[in-house]
């Protein structure tokens, strides 16, 4: 499903002619349907790694294979297609459009490249997913009328609308209260199992991390296995 081979990421340093090495020789293999948590101190490069996995950024060197395609070598048009069709994103902030209804927000990823004949199928999937997360009755409300936890659930549904094989979540419970965090954690675990979607998330929450089938720690640019079960 996903493989990183000797991935490195450097950024220019304020000092002329020097670079800051954020990721050092990262090697990772994740099979279909697995759930993986990436933990580590703030500033260790967790979000950078997730962005590289999600084709939002490119490594300085190394390879990123998604379903055997080397996405680190693709152009922007090809990457946009992969991000839309194969990868779902959930961020710490929901990034919902305030002027759109819940249903409209969920359907936004389907607007790029979808055929008119599939609109009804997308709407039916959106209805089904919203019902599953307990938000069917909120379909025509706008984000400002929802709680933080509800908005994040909408963001999760939006990430799944195109039936991606890979779901990436960057601190998905970071801005939520404890009760909402627990509900999002339960939702992600349930969707990982029922949708057979591969889940990789970055989190500071030990409770959320321990719900995943594997926990990896990123520190000083190196990724190591912390816990497996």
C-alpha atoms as a PDB file:
ATOM      1  CA  UNK A   1       0.000   0.000   0.000  1.00  0.00           C
ATOM      2  CA  UNK A   2       2.600   2.571   1.149  1.00  0.00           C
ATOM      3  CA  UNK A   3       6.376   2.438   1.289  1.00  0.00           C
ATOM      4  CA  UNK A   4       8.970   5.105   2.069  1.00  0.00           C
ATOM      5  CA  UNK A   5      12.532   4.306   1.045  1.00  0.00           C
ATOM      6  CA  UNK A   6      15.429   6.346   2.476  1.00  0.00           C
ATOM      7  CA  UNK A   7      13.368   9.547   2.600  1.00  0.00           C
ATOM      8  CA  UNK A   8      15.213  12.686   3.644  1.00  0.00           C
ATOM      9  CA  UNK A   9      13.948  16.245   3.939  1.00  0.00           C
ATOM     10  CA  UNK A  10      16.168  19.315   4.233  1.00  0.00           C
ATOM     11  CA  UNK A  11      15.239  22.987   4.467  1.00  0.00           C
ATOM     12  CA  UNK A  12      17.471  26.005   3.825  1.00  0.00           C
ATOM     13  CA  UNK A  13      19.158  27.354   6.950  1.00  0.00           C
ATOM     14  CA  UNK A  14      19.341  31.060   7.823  1.00  0.00           C
ATOM     15  CA  UNK A  15      23.094  30.518   7.629  1.00  0.00           C
ATOM     16  CA  UNK A  16      24.221  30.841   4.040  1.00  0.00           C
ATOM     17  CA  UNK A  17      25.145  27.605   2.347  1.00  0.00           C
ATOM     18  CA  UNK A  18      23.774  25.397   5.129  1.00  0.00           C
ATOM     19  CA  UNK A  19      20.662  23.252   5.482  1.00  0.00           C
ATOM     20  CA  UNK A  20      18.513  21.976   8.333  1.00  0.00           C
ATOM     21  CA  UNK A  21      17.890  18.237   8.132  1.00  0.00           C
ATOM     22  CA  UNK A  22      14.367  17.475   9.374  1.00  0.00           C
ATOM     23  CA  UNK A  23      14.003  13.864   8.229  1.00  0.00           C
ATOM     24  CA  UNK A  24      16.939  11.469   8.043  1.00  0.00           C
ATOM     25  CA  UNK A  25      16.752   8.283   6.028  1.00  0.00           C
ATOM     26  CA  UNK A  26      13.111   7.425   6.829  1.00  0.00           C
ATOM     27  CA  UNK A  27      12.092   3.915   5.809  1.00  0.00           C
ATOM     28  CA  UNK A  28       8.519   2.779   6.378  1.00  0.00           C
ATOM     29  CA  UNK A  29       6.182   0.149   4.987  1.00  0.00           C
ATOM     30  CA  UNK A  30       2.449   0.134   5.751  1.00  0.00           C
ATOM     31  CA  UNK A  31       0.170  -2.572   4.397  1.00  0.00           C
ATOM     32  CA  UNK A  32      -3.437  -2.073   3.371  1.00  0.00           C
ATOM     33  CA  UNK A  33      -5.889  -1.634   6.223  1.00  0.00           C
ATOM     34  CA  UNK A  34      -3.311  -0.983   8.936  1.00  0.00           C
ATOM     35  CA  UNK A  35      -3.522   1.879  11.415  1.00  0.00           C
ATOM     36  CA  UNK A  36      -0.349   3.714  12.394  1.00  0.00           C
ATOM     37  CA  UNK A  37       0.257   6.520  14.891  1.00  0.00           C
ATOM     38  CA  UNK A  38       3.310   8.758  14.590  1.00  0.00           C
ATOM     39  CA  UNK A  39       4.274  10.431  17.849  1.00  0.00           C
ATOM     40  CA  UNK A  40       7.198  12.568  18.949  1.00  0.00           C
ATOM     41  CA  UNK A  41       8.136  15.951  20.405  1.00  0.00           C
ATOM     42  CA  UNK A  42       6.904  19.199  18.889  1.00  0.00           C
ATOM     43  CA  UNK A  43       9.054  20.300  15.992  1.00  0.00           C
ATOM     44  CA  UNK A  44      10.358  16.803  15.279  1.00  0.00           C
ATOM     45  CA  UNK A  45       8.984  16.788  11.728  1.00  0.00           C
ATOM     46  CA  UNK A  46       5.815  14.723  12.172  1.00  0.00           C
ATOM     47  CA  UNK A  47       3.646  17.003  10.038  1.00  0.00           C
ATOM     48  CA  UNK A  48       6.417  17.270   7.441  1.00  0.00           C
ATOM     49  CA  UNK A  49       6.501  13.484   7.194  1.00  0.00           C
ATOM     50  CA  UNK A  50       2.711  13.300   6.883  1.00  0.00           C
ATOM     51  CA  UNK A  51       2.758  15.957   4.148  1.00  0.00           C
ATOM     52  CA  UNK A  52       5.327  13.943   2.198  1.00  0.00           C
ATOM     53  CA  UNK A  53       3.247  10.774   2.564  1.00  0.00           C
ATOM     54  CA  UNK A  54       0.190  12.718   1.383  1.00  0.00           C
ATOM     55  CA  UNK A  55       1.916  14.209  -1.675  1.00  0.00           C
ATOM     56  CA  UNK A  56       1.592  17.734  -0.277  1.00  0.00           C
ATOM     57  CA  UNK A  57       5.388  18.036  -0.137  1.00  0.00           C
ATOM     58  CA  UNK A  58       8.298  16.275  -1.820  1.00  0.00           C
ATOM     59  CA  UNK A  59      11.308  14.697  -0.134  1.00  0.00           C
ATOM     60  CA  UNK A  60      14.770  16.103  -0.734  1.00  0.00           C
ATOM     61  CA  UNK A  61      15.795  12.546  -1.610  1.00  0.00           C
ATOM     62  CA  UNK A  62      14.380   9.055  -1.385  1.00  0.00           C
ATOM     63  CA  UNK A  63      11.216   7.464  -2.763  1.00  0.00           C
ATOM     64  CA  UNK A  64       7.565   7.409  -1.730  1.00  0.00           C
ATOM     65  CA  UNK A  65       5.574   4.529  -3.202  1.00  0.00           C
ATOM     66  CA  UNK A  66       1.779   4.500  -3.056  1.00  0.00           C
ATOM     67  CA  UNK A  67       0.241   1.404  -4.661  1.00  0.00           C
ATOM     68  CA  UNK A  68       3.602   0.905  -6.395  1.00  0.00           C
ATOM     69  CA  UNK A  69       3.552   4.381  -7.989  1.00  0.00           C
ATOM     70  CA  UNK A  70       6.507   6.594  -7.022  1.00  0.00           C
ATOM     71  CA  UNK A  71       4.636   9.770  -6.094  1.00  0.00           C
ATOM     72  CA  UNK A  72       7.868  11.580  -5.277  1.00  0.00           C
ATOM     73  CA  UNK A  73       8.575  11.656  -9.031  1.00  0.00           C
ATOM     74  CA  UNK A  74       5.167  12.821 -10.300  1.00  0.00           C
ATOM     75  CA  UNK A  75       4.297  16.291 -11.577  1.00  0.00           C
ATOM     76  CA  UNK A  76       1.741  18.531  -9.893  1.00  0.00           C
ATOM     77  CA  UNK A  77      -1.147  17.524 -12.159  1.00  0.00           C
ATOM     78  CA  UNK A  78      -0.556  13.849 -11.411  1.00  0.00           C
ATOM     79  CA  UNK A  79      -0.167  14.551  -7.702  1.00  0.00           C
ATOM     80  CA  UNK A  80      -3.438  16.480  -7.592  1.00  0.00           C
ATOM     81  CA  UNK A  81      -5.244  13.495  -9.096  1.00  0.00           C
ATOM     82  CA  UNK A  82      -3.728  11.108  -6.546  1.00  0.00           C
ATOM     83  CA  UNK A  83      -4.534  13.431  -3.623  1.00  0.00           C
ATOM     84  CA  UNK A  84      -8.130  13.675  -4.778  1.00  0.00           C
ATOM     85  CA  UNK A  85      -8.738  10.025  -5.583  1.00  0.00           C
ATOM     86  CA  UNK A  86      -6.486   7.986  -3.296  1.00  0.00           C
ATOM     87  CA  UNK A  87      -5.823  10.059  -0.173  1.00  0.00           C
ATOM     88  CA  UNK A  88      -8.151  11.594   2.410  1.00  0.00           C
ATOM     89  CA  UNK A  89      -6.921  14.346   4.744  1.00  0.00           C
ATOM     90  CA  UNK A  90      -8.099  15.336   8.220  1.00  0.00           C
ATOM     91  CA  UNK A  91      -6.331  18.272   9.870  1.00  0.00           C
ATOM     92  CA  UNK A  92      -6.372  19.697  13.389  1.00  0.00           C
ATOM     93  CA  UNK A  93      -8.618  22.500  12.155  1.00  0.00           C
ATOM     94  CA  UNK A  94     -11.588  21.321  10.120  1.00  0.00           C
ATOM     95  CA  UNK A  95     -11.180  23.843   7.245  1.00  0.00           C
ATOM     96  CA  UNK A  96     -14.892  23.767   6.419  1.00  0.00           C
ATOM     97  CA  UNK A  97     -16.276  26.529   4.195  1.00  0.00           C
ATOM     98  CA  UNK A  98     -18.545  28.628   6.438  1.00  0.00           C
ATOM     99  CA  UNK A  99     -20.884  29.674   3.614  1.00  0.00           C
ATOM    100  CA  UNK A 100     -21.603  26.060   2.576  1.00  0.00           C
ATOM    101  CA  UNK A 101     -23.882  23.550   4.240  1.00  0.00           C
ATOM    102  CA  UNK A 102     -22.536  20.392   5.848  1.00  0.00           C
ATOM    103  CA  UNK A 103     -23.568  18.364   2.789  1.00  0.00           C
ATOM    104  CA  UNK A 104     -21.974  20.840   0.385  1.00  0.00           C
ATOM    105  CA  UNK A 105     -18.721  20.766   2.376  1.00  0.00           C
ATOM    106  CA  UNK A 106     -18.647  16.981   2.264  1.00  0.00           C
ATOM    107  CA  UNK A 107     -19.171  16.949  -1.508  1.00  0.00           C
ATOM    108  CA  UNK A 108     -16.430  19.476  -2.342  1.00  0.00           C
ATOM    109  CA  UNK A 109     -13.744  16.827  -3.094  1.00  0.00           C
ATOM    110  CA  UNK A 110     -16.086  15.207  -5.630  1.00  0.00           C
ATOM    111  CA  UNK A 111     -16.220  18.339  -7.794  1.00  0.00           C
ATOM    112  CA  UNK A 112     -12.802  17.730  -9.347  1.00  0.00           C
ATOM    113  CA  UNK A 113     -13.002  15.280 -12.192  1.00  0.00           C
ATOM    114  CA  UNK A 114     -16.213  13.497 -11.231  1.00  0.00           C
ATOM    115  CA  UNK A 115     -18.709  12.649 -13.951  1.00  0.00           C
ATOM    116  CA  UNK A 116     -22.213  14.184 -13.784  1.00  0.00           C
ATOM    117  CA  UNK A 117     -23.714  10.698 -13.775  1.00  0.00           C
ATOM    118  CA  UNK A 118     -21.993   9.978 -10.456  1.00  0.00           C
ATOM    119  CA  UNK A 119     -23.447  12.958  -8.578  1.00  0.00           C
ATOM    120  CA  UNK A 120     -26.352  10.960  -7.190  1.00  0.00           C
ATOM    121  CA  UNK A 121     -24.025   8.191  -6.036  1.00  0.00           C
ATOM    122  CA  UNK A 122     -21.810  10.717  -4.228  1.00  0.00           C
ATOM    123  CA  UNK A 123     -24.817  12.314  -2.548  1.00  0.00           C
ATOM    124  CA  UNK A 124     -26.054   8.914  -1.416  1.00  0.00           C
ATOM    125  CA  UNK A 125     -22.615   8.090   0.006  1.00  0.00           C
ATOM    126  CA  UNK A 126     -22.498  11.463   1.768  1.00  0.00           C
ATOM    127  CA  UNK A 127     -25.929  10.841   3.297  1.00  0.00           C
ATOM    128  CA  UNK A 128     -24.854   7.378   4.426  1.00  0.00           C
ATOM    129  CA  UNK A 129     -21.603   8.583   6.004  1.00  0.00           C
ATOM    130  CA  UNK A 130     -23.262  11.550   7.711  1.00  0.00           C
ATOM    131  CA  UNK A 131     -25.897   9.232   9.152  1.00  0.00           C
ATOM    132  CA  UNK A 132     -23.154   6.932  10.372  1.00  0.00           C
ATOM    133  CA  UNK A 133     -21.412   9.725  12.291  1.00  0.00           C
ATOM    134  CA  UNK A 134     -24.705  10.995  13.698  1.00  0.00           C
ATOM    135  CA  UNK A 135     -24.995  14.119  11.558  1.00  0.00           C
ATOM    136  CA  UNK A 136     -27.656  13.239   8.975  1.00  0.00           C
ATOM    137  CA  UNK A 137     -30.064  15.734  10.545  1.00  0.00           C
ATOM    138  CA  UNK A 138     -27.422  18.464  10.252  1.00  0.00           C
ATOM    139  CA  UNK A 139     -26.874  18.095   6.506  1.00  0.00           C
ATOM    140  CA  UNK A 140     -28.333  21.495   5.641  1.00  0.00           C
ATOM    141  CA  UNK A 141     -26.869  23.392   8.577  1.00  0.00           C
ATOM    142  CA  UNK A 142     -23.758  25.497   8.218  1.00  0.00           C
ATOM    143  CA  UNK A 143     -20.513  24.905  10.166  1.00  0.00           C
ATOM    144  CA  UNK A 144     -21.159  27.868  12.474  1.00  0.00           C
ATOM    145  CA  UNK A 145     -24.176  26.006  13.861  1.00  0.00           C
ATOM    146  CA  UNK A 146     -22.129  22.945  14.825  1.00  0.00           C
ATOM    147  CA  UNK A 147     -19.905  22.181  17.801  1.00  0.00           C
ATOM    148  CA  UNK A 148     -16.175  21.657  17.359  1.00  0.00           C
ATOM    149  CA  UNK A 149     -16.562  17.905  17.566  1.00  0.00           C
ATOM    150  CA  UNK A 150     -19.369  17.909  15.019  1.00  0.00           C
ATOM    151  CA  UNK A 151     -17.312  20.002  12.599  1.00  0.00           C
ATOM    152  CA  UNK A 152     -14.420  17.571  12.886  1.00  0.00           C
ATOM    153  CA  UNK A 153     -16.762  14.661  12.162  1.00  0.00           C
ATOM    154  CA  UNK A 154     -17.859  16.487   9.005  1.00  0.00           C
ATOM    155  CA  UNK A 155     -14.189  16.861   8.073  1.00  0.00           C
ATOM    156  CA  UNK A 156     -13.695  13.108   8.489  1.00  0.00           C
ATOM    157  CA  UNK A 157     -16.694  12.377   6.252  1.00  0.00           C
ATOM    158  CA  UNK A 158     -15.373  14.829   3.648  1.00  0.00           C
ATOM    159  CA  UNK A 159     -12.024  13.007   3.705  1.00  0.00           C
ATOM    160  CA  UNK A 160     -13.782   9.695   2.985  1.00  0.00           C
ATOM    161  CA  UNK A 161     -16.261  10.817   0.334  1.00  0.00           C
ATOM    162  CA  UNK A 162     -14.075   9.687  -2.596  1.00  0.00           C
ATOM    163  CA  UNK A 163     -13.405   6.293  -0.953  1.00  0.00           C
ATOM    164  CA  UNK A 164      -9.642   6.791  -0.601  1.00  0.00           C
ATOM    165  CA  UNK A 165      -7.378   3.880   0.244  1.00  0.00           C
ATOM    166  CA  UNK A 166      -5.280   6.048   2.574  1.00  0.00           C
ATOM    167  CA  UNK A 167      -6.551   8.362   5.313  1.00  0.00           C
ATOM    168  CA  UNK A 168      -4.094  10.830   6.868  1.00  0.00           C
ATOM    169  CA  UNK A 169      -4.914  12.743  10.053  1.00  0.00           C
ATOM    170  CA  UNK A 170      -2.742  15.486  11.539  1.00  0.00           C
ATOM    171  CA  UNK A 171      -3.597  16.045  15.223  1.00  0.00           C
ATOM    172  CA  UNK A 172      -7.303  15.282  14.544  1.00  0.00           C
ATOM    173  CA  UNK A 173      -8.228  15.708  18.232  1.00  0.00           C
ATOM    174  CA  UNK A 174      -5.778  18.492  19.070  1.00  0.00           C
ATOM    175  CA  UNK A 175      -8.356  21.285  19.260  1.00  0.00           C
ATOM    176  CA  UNK A 176     -11.178  19.292  20.864  1.00  0.00           C
ATOM    177  CA  UNK A 177     -12.351  18.734  24.414  1.00  0.00           C
ATOM    178  CA  UNK A 178     -11.935  15.305  25.992  1.00  0.00           C
ATOM    179  CA  UNK A 179     -15.420  14.002  25.176  1.00  0.00           C
ATOM    180  CA  UNK A 180     -15.210  15.116  21.529  1.00  0.00           C
ATOM    181  CA  UNK A 181     -11.681  13.711  21.267  1.00  0.00           C
ATOM    182  CA  UNK A 182     -12.864  10.305  22.426  1.00  0.00           C
ATOM    183  CA  UNK A 183     -15.693  10.298  19.884  1.00  0.00           C
ATOM    184  CA  UNK A 184     -13.334  11.209  17.020  1.00  0.00           C
ATOM    185  CA  UNK A 185     -10.889   8.514  18.149  1.00  0.00           C
ATOM    186  CA  UNK A 186     -13.657   5.914  18.177  1.00  0.00           C
ATOM    187  CA  UNK A 187     -14.845   7.083  14.769  1.00  0.00           C
ATOM    188  CA  UNK A 188     -11.394   6.817  13.188  1.00  0.00           C
ATOM    189  CA  UNK A 189     -10.847   3.333  14.597  1.00  0.00           C
ATOM    190  CA  UNK A 190     -14.269   2.195  13.418  1.00  0.00           C
ATOM    191  CA  UNK A 191     -13.782   3.611   9.910  1.00  0.00           C
ATOM    192  CA  UNK A 192     -10.328   2.050   9.645  1.00  0.00           C
ATOM    193  CA  UNK A 193     -11.881  -1.343  10.258  1.00  0.00           C
ATOM    194  CA  UNK A 194     -15.167  -1.038   8.399  1.00  0.00           C
ATOM    195  CA  UNK A 195     -13.976   0.952   5.366  1.00  0.00           C
ATOM    196  CA  UNK A 196     -10.717  -1.040   5.157  1.00  0.00           C
ATOM    197  CA  UNK A 197      -8.923   2.284   4.803  1.00  0.00           C
ATOM    198  CA  UNK A 198      -5.261   2.517   5.770  1.00  0.00           C
ATOM    199  CA  UNK A 199      -4.980   5.093   8.563  1.00  0.00           C
ATOM    200  CA  UNK A 200      -1.864   7.085   9.446  1.00  0.00           C
ATOM    201  CA  UNK A 201      -2.143   9.809  12.034  1.00  0.00           C
ATOM    202  CA  UNK A 202       0.098  12.248  13.867  1.00  0.00           C
ATOM    203  CA  UNK A 203      -0.846  12.919  17.471  1.00  0.00           C
ATOM    204  CA  UNK A 204       0.372  14.077  20.863  1.00  0.00           C
ATOM    205  CA  UNK A 205      -2.388  12.052  22.497  1.00  0.00           C
ATOM    206  CA  UNK A 206      -1.120   8.815  24.010  1.00  0.00           C
ATOM    207  CA  UNK A 207      -4.675   7.536  24.308  1.00  0.00           C
ATOM    208  CA  UNK A 208      -5.364   8.037  20.604  1.00  0.00           C
ATOM    209  CA  UNK A 209      -1.982   6.606  19.587  1.00  0.00           C
ATOM    210  CA  UNK A 210      -2.543   3.448  21.599  1.00  0.00           C
ATOM    211  CA  UNK A 211      -5.756   2.754  19.688  1.00  0.00           C
ATOM    212  CA  UNK A 212      -3.704   2.231  16.531  1.00  0.00           C
ATOM    213  CA  UNK A 213      -2.238  -1.138  15.544  1.00  0.00           C
ATOM    214  CA  UNK A 214       1.256   0.347  15.448  1.00  0.00           C
ATOM    215  CA  UNK A 215       2.937   3.316  17.122  1.00  0.00           C
ATOM    216  CA  UNK A 216       6.071   4.893  15.641  1.00  0.00           C
ATOM    217  CA  UNK A 217       8.166   7.627  17.205  1.00  0.00           C
ATOM    218  CA  UNK A 218       9.859  10.392  15.250  1.00  0.00           C
ATOM    219  CA  UNK A 219      12.714  12.100  17.058  1.00  0.00           C
ATOM    220  CA  UNK A 220      15.869  13.791  15.843  1.00  0.00           C
ATOM    221  CA  UNK A 221      14.842  13.031  12.270  1.00  0.00           C
ATOM    222  CA  UNK A 222      14.659   9.268  12.819  1.00  0.00           C
ATOM    223  CA  UNK A 223      11.566   7.067  12.831  1.00  0.00           C
ATOM    224  CA  UNK A 224      11.574   4.076  15.185  1.00  0.00           C
ATOM    225  CA  UNK A 225       8.991   1.556  16.318  1.00  0.00           C
ATOM    226  CA  UNK A 226       7.739   2.312  19.814  1.00  0.00           C
ATOM    227  CA  UNK A 227       4.976  -0.208  20.179  1.00  0.00           C
ATOM    228  CA  UNK A 228       3.354  -2.883  18.067  1.00  0.00           C
ATOM    229  CA  UNK A 229       0.451  -5.224  18.752  1.00  0.00           C
END
